[in-house]
N, C-alpha and C. Protein backbone atom coordinates (compact mmCIF):
# COMPACT_ATOMS: atom_id res chain seq x y z
N MET A 1 130.72 86.43 116.66
CA MET A 1 130.05 86.99 115.94
C MET A 1 129.20 85.99 114.70
N GLY A 2 128.23 85.88 114.44
CA GLY A 2 127.55 84.83 113.43
C GLY A 2 128.16 85.18 112.19
N ALA A 3 127.72 83.97 111.09
CA ALA A 3 128.44 84.28 109.65
C ALA A 3 127.60 85.67 109.01
N ASN A 4 126.27 85.94 109.30
CA ASN A 4 125.93 87.10 108.42
C ASN A 4 125.77 88.50 109.99
N SER A 5 126.35 88.12 110.83
CA SER A 5 126.34 89.59 111.68
C SER A 5 127.60 90.36 111.09
N HIS A 6 127.54 91.62 111.66
CA HIS A 6 128.43 92.63 111.34
C HIS A 6 129.47 92.72 113.25
N PHE A 7 130.90 93.30 112.73
CA PHE A 7 131.31 93.38 114.19
C PHE A 7 130.75 95.04 114.66
N ASP A 8 131.06 94.95 116.06
CA ASP A 8 130.03 96.28 116.72
C ASP A 8 130.97 97.40 116.53
N LEU A 9 130.89 99.10 116.49
CA LEU A 9 131.33 99.92 116.62
C LEU A 9 132.73 99.68 117.91
N GLY A 10 132.52 99.13 118.52
CA GLY A 10 133.70 99.08 119.51
C GLY A 10 134.69 98.40 118.80
N ASP A 11 134.51 97.22 117.99
CA ASP A 11 135.61 96.39 117.71
C ASP A 11 136.04 97.46 116.55
N TRP A 12 135.21 97.93 115.55
CA TRP A 12 136.08 98.63 114.92
C TRP A 12 136.71 100.35 114.94
N ALA A 13 136.74 100.36 116.16
CA ALA A 13 137.20 101.66 116.84
C ALA A 13 138.46 100.84 116.72
N ASP A 14 138.74 99.91 117.61
CA ASP A 14 140.03 99.05 118.08
C ASP A 14 140.98 98.77 116.93
N TYR A 15 140.01 98.49 115.65
CA TYR A 15 140.55 98.09 114.74
C TYR A 15 141.36 99.05 113.84
N VAL A 16 140.84 100.13 113.63
CA VAL A 16 141.21 101.48 113.30
C VAL A 16 142.48 102.09 113.96
N ARG A 17 142.39 101.90 115.62
CA ARG A 17 143.36 102.19 116.28
C ARG A 17 144.72 101.29 116.41
N GLY A 18 144.44 100.07 115.75
CA GLY A 18 145.49 98.82 115.69
C GLY A 18 145.57 98.21 116.59
N LEU A 19 144.68 98.15 117.65
CA LEU A 19 144.20 97.61 119.00
C LEU A 19 143.80 95.83 119.21
N VAL A 20 143.94 95.67 117.96
CA VAL A 20 143.10 94.06 117.69
C VAL A 20 144.36 93.39 117.43
N SER A 21 144.08 92.19 117.96
CA SER A 21 145.01 91.03 117.70
C SER A 21 145.27 90.69 115.98
N ILE A 22 146.52 90.26 115.61
CA ILE A 22 146.77 89.63 114.27
C ILE A 22 145.61 88.49 113.68
N SER A 23 145.05 87.97 114.50
CA SER A 23 144.33 86.84 114.36
C SER A 23 142.83 87.68 114.04
N ARG A 24 142.24 88.12 114.91
CA ARG A 24 141.09 89.06 114.76
C ARG A 24 140.88 89.92 113.59
N ARG A 25 142.61 90.96 113.74
CA ARG A 25 142.60 91.59 112.41
C ARG A 25 142.11 90.99 110.91
N GLY A 26 142.75 89.75 110.71
CA GLY A 26 142.37 88.67 109.83
C GLY A 26 141.22 88.43 109.70
N GLU A 27 140.02 88.40 110.48
CA GLU A 27 138.78 88.04 110.33
C GLU A 27 137.98 89.17 109.98
N MET A 28 138.46 89.83 110.58
CA MET A 28 137.85 91.76 110.12
C MET A 28 138.39 92.39 108.77
N ASP A 29 139.22 91.89 108.35
CA ASP A 29 140.00 92.60 106.90
C ASP A 29 138.94 91.41 106.10
N ALA A 30 138.54 90.49 106.11
CA ALA A 30 137.95 89.27 105.68
C ALA A 30 136.34 89.63 105.64
N HIS A 31 135.79 90.28 106.61
CA HIS A 31 134.68 90.57 106.59
C HIS A 31 134.34 92.08 105.80
N LEU A 32 135.07 93.05 105.51
CA LEU A 32 135.44 94.11 105.05
C LEU A 32 135.12 93.97 103.75
N GLY A 33 135.55 92.79 103.06
CA GLY A 33 136.26 92.34 101.75
C GLY A 33 134.71 92.47 101.06
N GLY A 34 133.42 91.78 101.81
CA GLY A 34 132.24 91.73 101.63
C GLY A 34 131.44 92.47 102.07
N CYS A 35 131.45 93.42 103.03
CA CYS A 35 130.47 94.50 103.66
C CYS A 35 130.42 95.68 103.27
N HIS A 36 129.92 96.14 102.39
CA HIS A 36 130.01 97.97 102.25
C HIS A 36 129.60 98.51 103.74
N ARG A 37 128.70 97.83 104.22
CA ARG A 37 128.33 98.66 105.72
C ARG A 37 129.22 99.07 106.20
N CYS A 38 130.15 97.90 106.80
CA CYS A 38 131.56 97.98 107.46
C CYS A 38 132.56 98.85 106.82
N ARG A 39 132.61 98.84 105.95
CA ARG A 39 133.71 99.46 104.98
C ARG A 39 133.30 100.56 105.49
N THR A 40 131.98 101.43 105.23
CA THR A 40 131.47 102.60 105.44
C THR A 40 131.91 102.89 106.77
N THR A 41 131.72 102.29 107.95
CA THR A 41 132.12 102.58 109.21
C THR A 41 133.29 102.79 109.19
N VAL A 42 134.37 102.13 109.00
CA VAL A 42 136.01 101.97 109.04
C VAL A 42 136.15 103.15 108.51
N GLN A 43 135.81 103.68 107.28
CA GLN A 43 136.32 105.34 106.53
C GLN A 43 135.80 105.89 107.64
N LEU A 44 134.42 106.62 108.18
CA LEU A 44 134.33 107.39 109.18
C LEU A 44 135.38 107.36 110.30
N PHE A 45 135.43 106.08 110.96
CA PHE A 45 136.27 106.11 111.97
C PHE A 45 138.07 106.49 111.23
N GLN A 46 138.75 106.17 110.53
CA GLN A 46 139.83 106.30 109.65
C GLN A 46 139.82 108.20 109.58
N ALA A 47 138.65 108.67 109.34
CA ALA A 47 138.71 110.07 108.70
C ALA A 47 138.82 110.84 110.22
N THR A 48 138.10 110.17 111.00
CA THR A 48 137.69 111.31 112.26
C THR A 48 139.35 110.74 113.00
N VAL A 49 140.23 109.89 112.84
CA VAL A 49 141.42 109.96 113.47
C VAL A 49 142.23 110.94 113.13
N GLU A 50 142.30 110.82 111.55
CA GLU A 50 142.91 111.73 110.64
C GLU A 50 142.75 113.17 110.87
N ALA A 51 141.32 113.66 111.03
CA ALA A 51 141.16 114.92 111.03
C ALA A 51 141.59 115.27 112.61
N ARG A 52 141.76 114.22 113.68
CA ARG A 52 141.91 114.54 115.33
C ARG A 52 143.42 114.61 114.83
N SER A 53 143.96 114.24 114.28
CA SER A 53 145.57 114.62 114.08
C SER A 53 145.85 115.83 113.58
N ALA A 54 145.31 116.38 112.47
CA ALA A 54 145.68 117.58 111.63
C ALA A 54 145.38 118.39 112.53
N ILE A 55 144.19 118.45 113.81
CA ILE A 55 144.03 119.87 114.38
C ILE A 55 144.61 119.50 115.72
N ARG A 56 145.53 118.37 116.27
CA ARG A 56 145.76 117.95 117.13
C ARG A 56 145.46 118.26 118.47
N THR A 57 144.11 117.41 118.39
CA THR A 57 143.67 117.81 119.99
C THR A 57 144.10 116.75 120.86
N GLN A 58 143.88 117.34 121.72
CA GLN A 58 144.60 116.25 123.28
C GLN A 58 143.85 115.30 123.85
N ALA A 59 142.20 115.00 123.04
CA ALA A 59 141.82 113.79 123.55
C ALA A 59 140.98 112.99 122.66
N PRO A 60 142.62 112.07 122.28
CA PRO A 60 142.19 111.29 121.00
C PRO A 60 141.04 110.10 121.22
N ASP A 61 141.13 109.87 122.51
CA ASP A 61 139.85 108.80 122.53
C ASP A 61 138.43 109.13 122.48
N SER A 62 137.97 110.28 123.21
CA SER A 62 136.72 110.74 123.23
C SER A 62 135.65 110.88 121.72
N VAL A 63 136.44 111.08 120.56
CA VAL A 63 135.85 111.09 119.46
C VAL A 63 135.10 109.89 119.43
N LEU A 64 136.07 108.78 119.11
CA LEU A 64 135.70 107.73 119.08
C LEU A 64 134.93 106.85 120.03
N LYS A 65 135.12 107.25 121.35
CA LYS A 65 134.27 106.64 122.23
C LYS A 65 132.66 107.30 121.89
N ALA A 66 132.75 108.41 121.42
CA ALA A 66 131.53 109.12 121.38
C ALA A 66 130.64 108.52 120.18
N ALA A 67 131.55 108.00 119.58
CA ALA A 67 130.62 107.68 118.13
C ALA A 67 129.98 106.29 118.31
N VAL A 68 131.11 105.41 119.20
CA VAL A 68 131.14 104.41 119.54
C VAL A 68 129.40 104.11 120.22
N ASP A 69 129.70 105.19 121.71
CA ASP A 69 128.14 104.90 122.53
C ASP A 69 127.25 105.44 122.25
N LEU A 70 127.18 105.93 121.04
CA LEU A 70 125.95 106.27 120.48
C LEU A 70 125.08 105.19 119.71
N PHE A 71 125.24 104.08 119.62
CA PHE A 71 124.37 103.39 119.15
C PHE A 71 124.19 102.40 120.06
N PRO A 72 122.41 102.04 119.82
CA PRO A 72 121.95 100.99 120.89
C PRO A 72 123.13 99.43 120.98
N GLY A 73 123.09 99.08 121.93
CA GLY A 73 123.37 97.54 121.78
C GLY A 73 124.89 97.72 122.64
N ARG A 74 125.32 98.74 122.55
CA ARG A 74 126.89 99.24 122.74
C ARG A 74 126.64 99.92 124.27
N ASN A 75 125.48 100.93 123.85
CA ASN A 75 125.65 101.77 125.39
C ASN A 75 124.17 102.07 125.23
N GLY A 76 123.03 101.76 125.18
CA GLY A 76 121.97 101.90 124.48
C GLY A 76 121.58 102.91 125.80
N ALA A 77 121.47 102.18 127.03
CA ALA A 77 120.86 103.02 128.58
C ALA A 77 121.59 104.21 128.21
N ALA A 78 122.69 104.51 128.37
CA ALA A 78 123.75 106.10 128.90
C ALA A 78 123.15 106.83 127.41
N ARG A 79 122.51 106.34 125.99
CA ARG A 79 122.10 107.31 125.28
C ARG A 79 120.58 107.67 125.52
N GLY A 80 119.83 106.81 125.95
CA GLY A 80 118.49 107.21 126.47
C GLY A 80 118.49 108.40 127.85
N LEU A 81 119.80 108.73 127.94
CA LEU A 81 119.76 109.61 129.44
C LEU A 81 120.28 110.56 128.59
N LEU A 82 120.98 110.78 127.64
CA LEU A 82 121.08 112.08 127.38
C LEU A 82 119.67 113.40 126.97
N PRO A 83 120.05 114.59 127.38
CA PRO A 83 119.01 115.53 127.15
C PRO A 83 118.41 115.53 125.69
N ARG A 84 117.37 115.53 125.48
CA ARG A 84 116.78 115.72 124.33
C ARG A 84 116.68 117.70 124.16
N ILE A 85 116.85 117.64 122.24
CA ILE A 85 116.23 119.32 122.50
C ILE A 85 115.40 118.58 120.77
N VAL A 86 113.97 119.50 121.29
CA VAL A 86 112.98 119.40 120.19
C VAL A 86 113.32 120.57 119.20
N ALA A 87 113.50 119.90 117.70
CA ALA A 87 114.12 121.70 116.55
C ALA A 87 112.84 121.95 116.34
N ARG A 88 113.26 123.28 116.06
CA ARG A 88 111.98 124.36 115.37
C ARG A 88 112.34 124.58 113.97
N LEU A 89 111.17 124.35 113.50
CA LEU A 89 111.20 124.75 111.70
C LEU A 89 111.65 126.14 111.77
N VAL A 90 112.96 126.60 110.82
CA VAL A 90 112.98 128.13 110.76
C VAL A 90 112.84 128.59 109.32
N TYR A 91 113.08 127.84 108.54
CA TYR A 91 112.89 127.77 107.09
C TYR A 91 112.28 126.65 106.33
N ASP A 92 111.16 127.15 105.53
CA ASP A 92 110.13 125.77 104.47
C ASP A 92 110.29 126.67 103.32
N SER A 93 110.89 125.55 102.57
CA SER A 93 111.15 126.00 101.30
C SER A 93 109.26 126.08 100.31
N TRP A 94 108.61 125.41 100.91
CA TRP A 94 107.51 124.90 100.61
C TRP A 94 106.52 126.53 100.54
N GLY A 95 107.02 127.75 101.48
CA GLY A 95 106.33 128.80 101.24
C GLY A 95 106.83 129.94 100.06
N ASP A 96 107.94 128.88 99.48
CA ASP A 96 108.69 130.06 98.76
C ASP A 96 107.87 129.99 97.17
N PRO A 97 107.40 131.06 96.29
CA PRO A 97 106.78 131.07 95.22
C PRO A 97 107.43 130.47 94.06
N LEU A 98 106.50 129.84 93.49
CA LEU A 98 106.63 128.84 92.40
C LEU A 98 107.03 129.41 91.42
N PRO A 99 108.15 129.21 90.24
CA PRO A 99 108.48 129.95 89.01
C PRO A 99 107.41 129.92 88.40
N ALA A 100 107.24 130.84 87.10
CA ALA A 100 105.97 130.58 86.75
C ALA A 100 105.93 129.44 85.48
N GLY A 101 104.74 129.09 85.53
CA GLY A 101 104.82 127.59 84.85
C GLY A 101 105.00 126.28 85.61
N VAL A 102 105.55 126.31 86.72
CA VAL A 102 105.55 125.16 87.39
C VAL A 102 104.45 124.88 88.32
N ARG A 103 103.64 123.81 88.26
CA ARG A 103 102.88 123.62 88.93
C ARG A 103 102.82 122.78 90.88
N ALA A 104 102.15 123.02 91.30
CA ALA A 104 102.61 122.32 92.61
C ALA A 104 102.52 120.91 92.74
N ALA A 105 102.13 120.30 91.91
CA ALA A 105 101.95 118.95 92.07
C ALA A 105 102.89 118.05 91.32
N GLY A 106 103.71 118.91 90.77
CA GLY A 106 104.68 118.49 89.95
C GLY A 106 106.14 118.58 91.14
N VAL A 107 106.05 119.36 91.71
CA VAL A 107 107.00 119.72 92.83
C VAL A 107 107.64 118.16 94.18
N GLY A 108 108.69 117.96 93.52
CA GLY A 108 109.20 116.54 93.97
C GLY A 108 110.20 116.53 95.73
N SER A 109 110.36 117.61 95.57
CA SER A 109 111.78 117.88 96.57
C SER A 109 111.31 119.06 97.54
N ARG A 110 111.46 119.01 98.80
CA ARG A 110 111.16 120.50 99.60
C ARG A 110 112.47 120.57 100.79
N GLN A 111 112.87 121.57 101.03
CA GLN A 111 113.93 121.70 101.76
C GLN A 111 113.88 123.09 103.06
N GLY A 112 114.09 122.36 104.33
CA GLY A 112 113.82 123.05 105.38
C GLY A 112 115.16 123.16 106.43
N VAL A 113 114.77 124.03 107.25
CA VAL A 113 116.33 124.39 107.99
C VAL A 113 115.56 124.17 109.34
N PHE A 114 116.44 123.33 110.58
CA PHE A 114 115.56 123.38 111.70
C PHE A 114 116.60 123.84 112.56
N ARG A 115 116.29 124.39 113.88
CA ARG A 115 117.39 124.91 115.07
C ARG A 115 116.63 123.82 116.04
N ALA A 116 117.85 123.63 117.01
CA ALA A 116 117.77 123.22 118.15
C ALA A 116 119.24 123.58 118.96
N GLY A 117 119.18 124.41 120.15
CA GLY A 117 120.39 124.79 120.97
C GLY A 117 121.22 125.32 119.91
N ARG A 118 122.12 124.58 119.69
CA ARG A 118 123.24 125.39 119.21
C ARG A 118 123.44 124.45 117.63
N TYR A 119 122.84 123.72 117.53
CA TYR A 119 122.44 122.91 116.33
C TYR A 119 121.93 123.41 115.13
N THR A 120 122.02 123.60 114.02
CA THR A 120 121.53 123.73 112.93
C THR A 120 121.47 122.54 111.79
N VAL A 121 119.66 121.93 111.49
CA VAL A 121 119.91 120.89 110.76
C VAL A 121 119.00 121.61 109.32
N ASP A 122 120.04 121.39 108.15
CA ASP A 122 119.43 121.36 106.95
C ASP A 122 118.84 120.15 106.52
N LEU A 123 117.97 119.91 106.02
CA LEU A 123 117.00 118.87 105.07
C LEU A 123 116.68 119.27 103.91
N ARG A 124 116.93 118.18 103.01
CA ARG A 124 116.42 118.07 101.72
C ARG A 124 115.38 116.95 101.32
N LEU A 125 114.12 116.73 101.45
CA LEU A 125 113.19 115.77 101.25
C LEU A 125 113.04 115.50 99.83
N GLU A 126 113.23 114.03 99.24
CA GLU A 126 112.90 114.17 97.72
C GLU A 126 111.77 112.73 97.44
N ARG A 127 111.03 112.85 96.54
CA ARG A 127 110.27 111.77 96.60
C ARG A 127 111.42 110.85 95.77
N GLY A 128 111.40 109.53 95.62
CA GLY A 128 112.30 108.64 95.13
C GLY A 128 111.47 108.20 93.43
N ARG A 129 112.32 107.55 92.54
CA ARG A 129 112.28 107.29 91.37
C ARG A 129 111.05 105.98 91.86
N ASP A 130 111.08 105.31 92.20
CA ASP A 130 110.34 104.08 92.80
C ASP A 130 109.14 104.40 93.42
N SER A 131 107.70 104.14 93.22
CA SER A 131 106.70 104.83 94.05
C SER A 131 106.81 104.39 95.25
N GLY A 132 106.36 105.18 96.57
CA GLY A 132 106.54 104.99 97.75
C GLY A 132 107.96 105.13 98.58
N TRP A 133 108.65 105.53 97.73
CA TRP A 133 110.03 105.40 98.14
C TRP A 133 110.70 107.06 98.52
N GLN A 134 110.85 107.25 99.66
CA GLN A 134 111.74 108.66 99.43
C GLN A 134 113.23 108.73 99.99
N SER A 135 113.71 110.07 100.02
CA SER A 135 115.15 109.94 100.70
C SER A 135 115.27 111.73 101.43
N VAL A 136 115.52 111.31 102.62
CA VAL A 136 115.75 112.63 103.20
C VAL A 136 117.44 112.98 102.92
N VAL A 137 118.10 113.82 102.66
CA VAL A 137 119.71 114.43 102.48
C VAL A 137 119.58 115.88 103.67
N GLY A 138 120.57 115.65 104.71
CA GLY A 138 120.65 116.59 105.57
C GLY A 138 122.44 116.92 105.77
N GLN A 139 122.32 117.97 106.32
CA GLN A 139 123.60 118.57 107.09
C GLN A 139 123.49 119.05 108.61
N VAL A 140 124.37 118.77 109.39
CA VAL A 140 123.95 119.30 110.79
C VAL A 140 125.29 120.08 110.82
N ALA A 141 125.32 121.26 111.28
CA ALA A 141 126.37 122.32 111.72
C ALA A 141 126.19 123.09 113.44
N ASP A 142 127.29 123.23 113.63
CA ASP A 142 127.30 123.93 115.33
C ASP A 142 127.35 125.16 115.15
N GLU A 143 126.79 126.22 114.92
CA GLU A 143 126.54 127.50 115.40
C GLU A 143 127.50 128.22 115.94
N THR A 144 128.03 127.62 116.92
CA THR A 144 128.83 128.29 117.94
C THR A 144 130.39 127.79 117.24
N ALA A 145 130.23 126.91 116.63
CA ALA A 145 131.83 126.93 115.81
C ALA A 145 131.66 126.75 114.31
N PRO A 146 131.34 127.93 113.90
CA PRO A 146 131.38 127.58 112.07
C PRO A 146 132.46 126.96 111.37
N GLY A 147 132.45 126.01 110.40
CA GLY A 147 133.31 125.73 109.86
C GLY A 147 134.32 124.23 110.78
N ALA A 148 133.69 124.10 111.72
CA ALA A 148 134.34 123.00 112.56
C ALA A 148 134.05 122.07 112.39
N PHE A 149 135.22 120.66 112.63
CA PHE A 149 134.98 119.67 112.36
C PHE A 149 133.79 118.89 113.61
N ILE A 150 133.13 118.18 113.17
CA ILE A 150 131.98 117.95 113.97
C ILE A 150 132.23 116.14 113.87
N PRO A 151 132.19 115.49 115.13
CA PRO A 151 132.33 114.00 115.22
C PRO A 151 131.14 113.44 114.63
N PRO A 152 131.25 112.35 114.16
CA PRO A 152 130.22 111.76 113.38
C PRO A 152 129.11 111.37 114.32
N ALA A 153 127.89 111.91 113.89
CA ALA A 153 126.53 111.66 114.35
C ALA A 153 125.70 110.95 114.42
N SER A 154 124.87 109.84 115.13
CA SER A 154 124.40 108.94 115.01
C SER A 154 122.96 109.67 114.29
N VAL A 155 122.53 108.95 113.56
CA VAL A 155 121.06 109.79 112.74
C VAL A 155 120.32 108.77 112.47
N ALA A 156 119.21 108.89 113.14
CA ALA A 156 118.06 107.61 112.73
C ALA A 156 116.79 108.15 112.49
N LEU A 157 116.30 107.66 111.51
CA LEU A 157 114.49 108.20 111.35
C LEU A 157 113.53 106.75 112.02
N ARG A 158 112.96 107.65 112.62
CA ARG A 158 111.95 106.92 113.56
C ARG A 158 110.91 106.76 113.44
N ARG A 159 110.00 105.80 113.88
CA ARG A 159 108.61 106.09 113.93
C ARG A 159 108.27 105.66 115.47
N GLY A 160 108.14 106.47 116.32
CA GLY A 160 108.05 106.50 117.44
C GLY A 160 108.92 106.05 118.11
N THR A 161 109.19 104.72 118.86
CA THR A 161 110.77 104.61 119.04
C THR A 161 111.46 103.67 118.67
N SER A 162 110.80 103.20 117.23
CA SER A 162 111.57 101.99 116.93
C SER A 162 112.20 102.74 115.65
N ASP A 163 113.29 102.37 114.93
CA ASP A 163 114.39 102.98 114.31
C ASP A 163 113.45 102.38 112.84
N VAL A 164 113.61 103.03 111.72
CA VAL A 164 112.97 102.49 110.43
C VAL A 164 114.43 102.48 109.51
N VAL A 165 115.45 103.78 109.87
CA VAL A 165 116.39 103.30 109.26
C VAL A 165 117.58 104.36 109.68
N ARG A 166 118.97 103.66 109.91
CA ARG A 166 119.87 104.42 110.70
C ARG A 166 120.86 104.87 109.68
N ALA A 167 121.76 105.71 110.24
CA ALA A 167 123.05 105.93 109.48
C ALA A 167 123.73 106.85 109.99
N MET A 168 125.00 107.46 110.04
CA MET A 168 126.05 107.91 110.59
C MET A 168 126.36 109.13 109.84
N SER A 169 126.96 110.76 110.33
CA SER A 169 127.01 111.53 109.52
C SER A 169 128.51 111.52 109.36
N ASN A 170 128.72 112.19 108.19
CA ASN A 170 130.15 112.26 107.72
C ASN A 170 130.92 113.74 108.47
N ASP A 171 132.35 113.71 108.11
CA ASP A 171 133.03 114.54 108.14
C ASP A 171 132.55 116.17 108.32
N PHE A 172 131.36 116.34 107.30
CA PHE A 172 131.16 117.33 106.99
C PHE A 172 129.85 117.94 107.73
N GLY A 173 129.34 116.43 108.27
CA GLY A 173 127.69 116.69 109.18
C GLY A 173 127.01 116.45 108.56
N GLU A 174 127.64 115.48 106.86
CA GLU A 174 126.22 115.27 106.15
C GLU A 174 125.80 113.45 106.29
N PHE A 175 124.61 113.47 105.62
CA PHE A 175 124.08 112.35 106.06
C PHE A 175 122.83 112.33 104.94
N GLN A 176 121.94 110.67 104.43
CA GLN A 176 121.14 110.53 103.46
C GLN A 176 120.80 109.12 103.98
N LEU A 177 119.02 109.39 104.00
CA LEU A 177 118.71 108.22 104.27
C LEU A 177 117.69 108.19 103.36
N GLU A 178 117.61 106.65 103.10
CA GLU A 178 116.04 106.23 101.92
C GLU A 178 114.95 105.32 102.87
N TYR A 179 114.00 105.67 102.50
CA TYR A 179 113.04 104.88 103.38
C TYR A 179 111.78 104.95 102.46
N GLN A 180 110.63 103.77 102.86
CA GLN A 180 109.57 104.02 102.51
C GLN A 180 108.47 105.14 103.08
N ALA A 181 107.71 105.42 102.17
CA ALA A 181 107.31 106.86 102.87
C ALA A 181 106.19 106.10 104.04
N SER A 182 105.99 106.88 105.00
CA SER A 182 104.95 106.91 106.26
C SER A 182 104.81 108.05 106.41
N ILE A 183 103.73 107.89 107.61
CA ILE A 183 103.64 109.40 108.68
C ILE A 183 104.07 108.61 110.12
N GLY A 184 104.02 110.01 110.64
CA GLY A 184 104.06 109.80 112.18
C GLY A 184 106.18 109.66 112.11
N LEU A 185 106.91 110.35 111.52
CA LEU A 185 108.14 110.12 111.43
C LEU A 185 108.83 110.88 112.10
N HIS A 186 110.29 110.94 112.61
CA HIS A 186 110.95 111.54 113.12
C HIS A 186 112.39 111.36 113.00
N LEU A 187 113.05 112.70 113.14
CA LEU A 187 114.69 112.31 113.07
C LEU A 187 115.63 112.29 114.31
N SER A 188 115.97 111.59 114.75
CA SER A 188 117.21 111.67 115.86
C SER A 188 118.21 111.42 115.45
N LEU A 189 118.88 112.54 116.10
CA LEU A 189 120.61 113.06 116.09
C LEU A 189 120.93 112.96 117.12
N THR A 190 121.88 112.05 117.34
CA THR A 190 122.38 111.80 118.60
C THR A 190 123.84 112.43 118.88
N PHE A 191 124.31 113.77 119.39
CA PHE A 191 125.52 113.70 119.32
C PHE A 191 126.00 113.33 121.09
N ALA A 192 127.25 113.59 121.29
CA ALA A 192 127.96 113.22 122.67
C ALA A 192 127.50 113.70 124.06
N ASP A 193 126.75 114.91 123.78
CA ASP A 193 126.09 115.61 124.81
C ASP A 193 124.91 115.96 124.69
N THR A 194 124.00 115.36 123.72
CA THR A 194 122.40 115.90 123.48
C THR A 194 121.97 114.95 122.57
N GLU A 195 120.54 114.97 122.36
CA GLU A 195 119.91 114.27 121.41
C GLU A 195 119.04 115.34 120.90
N VAL A 196 119.10 115.46 119.73
CA VAL A 196 118.67 116.39 118.84
C VAL A 196 117.14 115.87 117.97
N ILE A 197 115.74 116.07 117.77
CA ILE A 197 114.59 115.43 117.68
C ILE A 197 114.12 116.53 116.64
N VAL A 198 113.81 115.93 115.10
CA VAL A 198 113.38 116.66 114.07
C VAL A 198 112.22 116.32 113.85
N PRO A 199 111.04 116.62 114.33
CA PRO A 199 109.61 116.47 113.68
C PRO A 199 109.42 116.34 112.42
N LEU A 200 109.03 115.35 111.52
CA LEU A 200 108.45 115.56 110.05
C LEU A 200 107.33 115.63 109.74
N THR A 201 106.54 115.22 110.29
CA THR A 201 105.20 115.33 109.98
C THR A 201 105.16 116.29 109.15
N ARG A 202 104.56 117.74 110.15
CA ARG A 202 104.28 119.05 110.06
C ARG A 202 104.98 119.32 108.80
N PHE A 203 106.12 119.32 108.92
CA PHE A 203 107.06 119.33 107.82
C PHE A 203 106.68 118.96 106.46
N GLY A 204 106.24 117.60 106.59
CA GLY A 204 106.13 117.05 105.45
C GLY A 204 104.68 117.16 104.82
N SER A 205 103.63 117.45 105.74
CA SER A 205 102.24 117.04 105.58
C SER A 205 101.60 117.84 104.31
N LYS A 206 102.21 119.27 104.11
CA LYS A 206 101.47 119.62 102.65
C LYS A 206 102.34 119.46 101.18
N GLY A 207 103.60 119.16 101.87
CA GLY A 207 103.86 118.43 100.00
C GLY A 207 104.10 116.85 100.26
N ARG A 208 103.37 116.27 101.09
CA ARG A 208 103.36 114.97 100.69
C ARG A 208 104.58 113.98 101.13
N ILE A 209 105.36 114.49 101.94
CA ILE A 209 106.93 113.86 101.76
C ILE A 209 106.82 113.66 103.31
N GLU A 210 106.69 113.06 104.20
CA GLU A 210 106.42 112.59 105.43
C GLU A 210 107.22 111.53 106.11
């Protein structure tokens, strides 16, 4: 690992489970001291382990392995073989009537709900304070198991096949991404058994949040 590089997800999974050597752990502890991104990753894995212990699951390695395998470079080929489902828009706040005295041009956020198979994705798109920047805040839920724990999913905002920005959902299925406004974007949410594609162009076009 180079001086400015991050440890990969497999290393952090082993770190959380106590499977790294003492010297290796020292290097990783030092890295965590100055890397917010990797601290967040470790917190997610630790929360996964704690949640797994709380529900007494009998598959202790599968959740971590699924999270690790979602990331390109670790198992990119396998991820590309997952079945894909294109989500459909079932609710768009743009169709709601505006309160009296509110002008459409001043509305800077928009909410939408998408469905893909058993998954529901609730999104809120907002214009950022800085011109040209926007954010998407979302939450994914499994309709077949309301309120159940959902293992962290890889969430990527993409243009074509290129990632614009990437994150992971937390224990509640929540995620947030900030990005430079552009057209032709879509969200990719990768789970252990499927990849959900959420097109944003049509959803964002009227509100200019694309």
